[in-house]
Each structure stands twice: as structure tokens, then as C-alpha cells.
């Protein structure tokens, strides 16, 4: 619905930046891997 985007852009202005979703997903995957390693090390003790 392009008309809705037009109205919202006129009311609130266009967004100034875009978010790189791929970068966020990559970072979350790295954090998930670190968490798994931490949990495994904690369970060994």
C-alpha cells in the first residue's frame, strides 16, 4: 500500500537511515554461539 507510506512519510518524515538486517543476524549468531560455549563450560564444572 504505497499510499499509506506516502501519508506516513508526509506526517512523520522519511527515515534517515536503514538497518542492515544481515549484520544484526550475523551478530546474533555469534552471540548465540558464545552463549552455547559458556553454558557447556559451566555444565562441565
PDB file of N, CA and C in Angstrom:
ATOM      1  N   UNK A   1       0.819  -1.173   0.000  1.00  0.00           N
ATOM      2  CA  UNK A   1       0.000   0.000   0.000  1.00  0.00           C
ATOM      3  C   UNK A   1       0.875   1.252   0.000  1.00  0.00           C
ATOM      4  N   UNK A   2       1.338   1.649  -1.163  1.00  0.00           N
ATOM      5  CA  UNK A   2       2.234   2.802  -1.260  1.00  0.00           C
ATOM      6  C   UNK A   2       1.600   4.101  -0.746  1.00  0.00           C
ATOM      7  N   UNK A   3       0.284   4.239  -0.869  1.00  0.00           N
ATOM      8  CA  UNK A   3      -0.351   5.476  -0.416  1.00  0.00           C
ATOM      9  C   UNK A   3      -0.181   5.656   1.097  1.00  0.00           C
ATOM     10  N   UNK A   4      -0.213   4.546   1.845  1.00  0.00           N
ATOM     11  CA  UNK A   4      -0.044   4.622   3.292  1.00  0.00           C
ATOM     12  C   UNK A   4       1.366   5.097   3.638  1.00  0.00           C
ATOM     13  N   UNK A   5       2.357   4.567   2.936  1.00  0.00           N
ATOM     14  CA  UNK A   5       3.741   5.003   3.163  1.00  0.00           C
ATOM     15  C   UNK A   5       3.883   6.483   2.847  1.00  0.00           C
ATOM     16  N   UNK A   6       3.267   6.930   1.767  1.00  0.00           N
ATOM     17  CA  UNK A   6       3.303   8.349   1.404  1.00  0.00           C
ATOM     18  C   UNK A   6       2.724   9.221   2.515  1.00  0.00           C
ATOM     19  N   UNK A   7       1.590   8.818   3.045  1.00  0.00           N
ATOM     20  CA  UNK A   7       0.954   9.591   4.114  1.00  0.00           C
ATOM     21  C   UNK A   7       1.848   9.628   5.352  1.00  0.00           C
ATOM     22  N   UNK A   8       2.387   8.476   5.744  1.00  0.00           N
ATOM     23  CA  UNK A   8       3.242   8.413   6.925  1.00  0.00           C
ATOM     24  C   UNK A   8       4.515   9.237   6.733  1.00  0.00           C
ATOM     25  N   UNK A   9       5.098   9.179   5.537  1.00  0.00           N
ATOM     26  CA  UNK A   9       6.293   9.972   5.249  1.00  0.00           C
ATOM     27  C   UNK A   9       5.995  11.464   5.359  1.00  0.00           C
ATOM     28  N   UNK A  10       4.829  11.866   4.911  1.00  0.00           N
ATOM     29  CA  UNK A  10       4.460  13.283   4.977  1.00  0.00           C
ATOM     30  C   UNK A  10       4.178  13.726   6.405  1.00  0.00           C
ATOM     31  N   UNK A  11       3.585  12.851   7.191  1.00  0.00           N
ATOM     32  CA  UNK A  11       3.264  13.199   8.573  1.00  0.00           C
ATOM     33  C   UNK A  11       4.499  13.185   9.476  1.00  0.00           C
ATOM     34  N   UNK A  12       5.309  12.143   9.351  1.00  0.00           N
ATOM     35  CA  UNK A  12       6.418  11.934  10.281  1.00  0.00           C
ATOM     36  C   UNK A  12       7.802  12.079   9.658  1.00  0.00           C
ATOM     37  N   UNK A  13       7.861  12.290   8.371  1.00  0.00           N
ATOM     38  CA  UNK A  13       9.146  12.404   7.682  1.00  0.00           C
ATOM     39  C   UNK A  13       9.680  11.034   7.293  1.00  0.00           C
ATOM     40  N   UNK A  14      10.552  11.026   6.325  1.00  0.00           N
ATOM     41  CA  UNK A  14      11.158   9.771   5.868  1.00  0.00           C
ATOM     42  C   UNK A  14      12.238   9.346   6.849  1.00  0.00           C
ATOM     43  N   UNK A  15      12.462   8.039   6.937  1.00  0.00           N
ATOM     44  CA  UNK A  15      13.521   7.555   7.823  1.00  0.00           C
ATOM     45  C   UNK A  15      14.876   8.017   7.304  1.00  0.00           C
ATOM     46  N   UNK A  16      15.773   8.312   8.230  1.00  0.00           N
ATOM     47  CA  UNK A  16      17.073   8.864   7.855  1.00  0.00           C
ATOM     48  C   UNK A  16      18.119   7.785   7.611  1.00  0.00           C
ATOM     49  N   UNK A  17      17.910   6.624   8.176  1.00  0.00           N
ATOM     50  CA  UNK A  17      18.879   5.553   7.966  1.00  0.00           C
ATOM     51  C   UNK A  17      18.165   4.213   7.870  1.00  0.00           C
ATOM     52  N   UNK A  18      18.850   3.270   7.283  1.00  0.00           N
ATOM     53  CA  UNK A  18      18.319   1.922   7.158  1.00  0.00           C
ATOM     54  C   UNK A  18      19.147   0.994   8.029  1.00  0.00           C
ATOM     55  N   UNK A  19      18.533  -0.042   8.526  1.00  0.00           N
ATOM     56  CA  UNK A  19      19.210  -1.025   9.354  1.00  0.00           C
ATOM     57  C   UNK A  19      19.628  -2.198   8.492  1.00  0.00           C
ATOM     58  N   UNK A  20      20.871  -2.600   8.648  1.00  0.00           N
ATOM     59  CA  UNK A  20      21.376  -3.753   7.915  1.00  0.00           C
ATOM     60  C   UNK A  20      21.000  -5.016   8.687  1.00  0.00           C
ATOM     61  N   UNK A  21      19.936  -5.673   8.276  1.00  0.00           N
ATOM     62  CA  UNK A  21      19.424  -6.838   8.980  1.00  0.00           C
ATOM     63  C   UNK A  21      20.421  -7.987   8.939  1.00  0.00           C
ATOM     64  N   UNK A  22      21.138  -8.139   7.849  1.00  0.00           N
ATOM     65  CA  UNK A  22      22.113  -9.222   7.734  1.00  0.00           C
ATOM     66  C   UNK A  22      23.197  -9.086   8.793  1.00  0.00           C
ATOM     67  N   UNK A  23      23.629  -7.871   9.048  1.00  0.00           N
ATOM     68  CA  UNK A  23      24.662  -7.632  10.053  1.00  0.00           C
ATOM     69  C   UNK A  23      24.142  -7.983  11.439  1.00  0.00           C
ATOM     70  N   UNK A  24      22.907  -7.630  11.721  1.00  0.00           N
ATOM     71  CA  UNK A  24      22.307  -7.933  13.016  1.00  0.00           C
ATOM     72  C   UNK A  24      22.170  -9.446  13.189  1.00  0.00           C
ATOM     73  N   UNK A  25      21.719 -10.139  12.151  1.00  0.00           N
ATOM     74  CA  UNK A  25      21.579 -11.595  12.233  1.00  0.00           C
ATOM     75  C   UNK A  25      22.926 -12.265  12.455  1.00  0.00           C
ATOM     76  N   UNK A  26      23.958 -11.774  11.801  1.00  0.00           N
ATOM     77  CA  UNK A  26      25.299 -12.345  11.968  1.00  0.00           C
ATOM     78  C   UNK A  26      25.777 -12.150  13.400  1.00  0.00           C
ATOM     79  N   UNK A  27      25.560 -10.959  13.936  1.00  0.00           N
ATOM     80  CA  UNK A  27      25.989 -10.665  15.307  1.00  0.00           C
ATOM     81  C   UNK A  27      25.221 -11.522  16.307  1.00  0.00           C
ATOM     82  N   UNK A  28      23.923 -11.713  16.095  1.00  0.00           N
ATOM     83  CA  UNK A  28      23.133 -12.559  16.982  1.00  0.00           C
ATOM     84  C   UNK A  28      23.617 -14.003  16.938  1.00  0.00           C
ATOM     85  N   UNK A  29      23.994 -14.469  15.756  1.00  0.00           N
ATOM     86  CA  UNK A  29      24.507 -15.838  15.629  1.00  0.00           C
ATOM     87  C   UNK A  29      25.820 -15.981  16.399  1.00  0.00           C
ATOM     88  N   UNK A  30      26.680 -14.966  16.340  1.00  0.00           N
ATOM     89  CA  UNK A  30      27.942 -15.001  17.083  1.00  0.00           C
ATOM     90  C   UNK A  30      27.680 -15.030  18.587  1.00  0.00           C
ATOM     91  N   UNK A  31      26.738 -14.214  19.043  1.00  0.00           N
ATOM     92  CA  UNK A  31      26.416 -14.186  20.461  1.00  0.00           C
ATOM     93  C   UNK A  31      25.802 -15.501  20.919  1.00  0.00           C
ATOM     94  N   UNK A  32      24.981 -16.107  20.082  1.00  0.00           N
ATOM     95  CA  UNK A  32      24.366 -17.385  20.396  1.00  0.00           C
ATOM     96  C   UNK A  32      25.438 -18.461  20.547  1.00  0.00           C
ATOM     97  N   UNK A  33      26.413 -18.452  19.656  1.00  0.00           N
ATOM     98  CA  UNK A  33      27.498 -19.429  19.721  1.00  0.00           C
ATOM     99  C   UNK A  33      28.314 -19.252  21.000  1.00  0.00           C
ATOM    100  N   UNK A  34      28.609 -18.011  21.359  1.00  0.00           N
ATOM    101  CA  UNK A  34      29.359 -17.741  22.593  1.00  0.00           C
ATOM    102  C   UNK A  34      28.570 -18.189  23.816  1.00  0.00           C
ATOM    103  N   UNK A  35      27.261 -17.975  23.791  1.00  0.00           N
ATOM    104  CA  UNK A  35      26.419 -18.399  24.908  1.00  0.00           C
ATOM    105  C   UNK A  35      26.432 -19.911  25.056  1.00  0.00           C
ATOM    106  N   UNK A  36      26.349 -20.636  23.940  1.00  0.00           N
ATOM    107  CA  UNK A  36      26.385 -22.096  23.995  1.00  0.00           C
ATOM    108  C   UNK A  36      27.703 -22.598  24.575  1.00  0.00           C
ATOM    109  N   UNK A  37      28.805 -21.989  24.174  1.00  0.00           N
ATOM    110  CA  UNK A  37      30.117 -22.384  24.698  1.00  0.00           C
ATOM    111  C   UNK A  37      30.165 -22.128  26.201  1.00  0.00           C
ATOM    112  N   UNK A  38      29.658 -20.986  26.626  1.00  0.00           N
ATOM    113  CA  UNK A  38      29.657 -20.627  28.041  1.00  0.00           C
ATOM    114  C   UNK A  38      28.831 -21.615  28.855  1.00  0.00           C
ATOM    115  N   UNK A  39      27.653 -21.996  28.338  1.00  0.00           N
ATOM    116  CA  UNK A  39      26.784 -22.931  29.035  1.00  0.00           C
ATOM    117  C   UNK A  39      27.449 -24.300  29.125  1.00  0.00           C
ATOM    118  N   UNK A  40      28.081 -24.739  28.048  1.00  0.00           N
ATOM    119  CA  UNK A  40      28.750 -26.038  28.056  1.00  0.00           C
ATOM    120  C   UNK A  40      29.897 -26.043  29.061  1.00  0.00           C
ATOM    121  N   UNK A  41      30.669 -24.963  29.126  1.00  0.00           N
ATOM    122  CA  UNK A  41      31.781 -24.895  30.084  1.00  0.00           C
ATOM    123  C   UNK A  41      31.250 -24.878  31.518  1.00  0.00           C
ATOM    124  N   UNK A  42      30.137 -24.208  31.737  1.00  0.00           N
ATOM    125  CA  UNK A  42      29.557 -24.117  33.081  1.00  0.00           C
ATOM    126  C   UNK A  42      29.039 -25.474  33.521  1.00  0.00           C
ATOM    127  N   UNK A  43      28.525 -26.277  32.592  1.00  0.00           N
ATOM    128  CA  UNK A  43      27.990 -27.593  32.941  1.00  0.00           C
ATOM    129  C   UNK A  43      29.099 -28.617  33.217  1.00  0.00           C
ATOM    130  N   UNK A  44      30.296 -28.368  32.746  1.00  0.00           N
ATOM    131  CA  UNK A  44      31.417 -29.286  32.996  1.00  0.00           C
ATOM    132  C   UNK A  44      31.878 -29.191  34.434  1.00  0.00           C
ATOM    133  N   UNK A  45      31.707 -28.052  35.044  1.00  0.00           N
ATOM    134  CA  UNK A  45      32.189 -27.844  36.425  1.00  0.00           C
ATOM    135  C   UNK A  45      31.344 -28.552  37.446  1.00  0.00           C
TER     136      UNK A  45
END
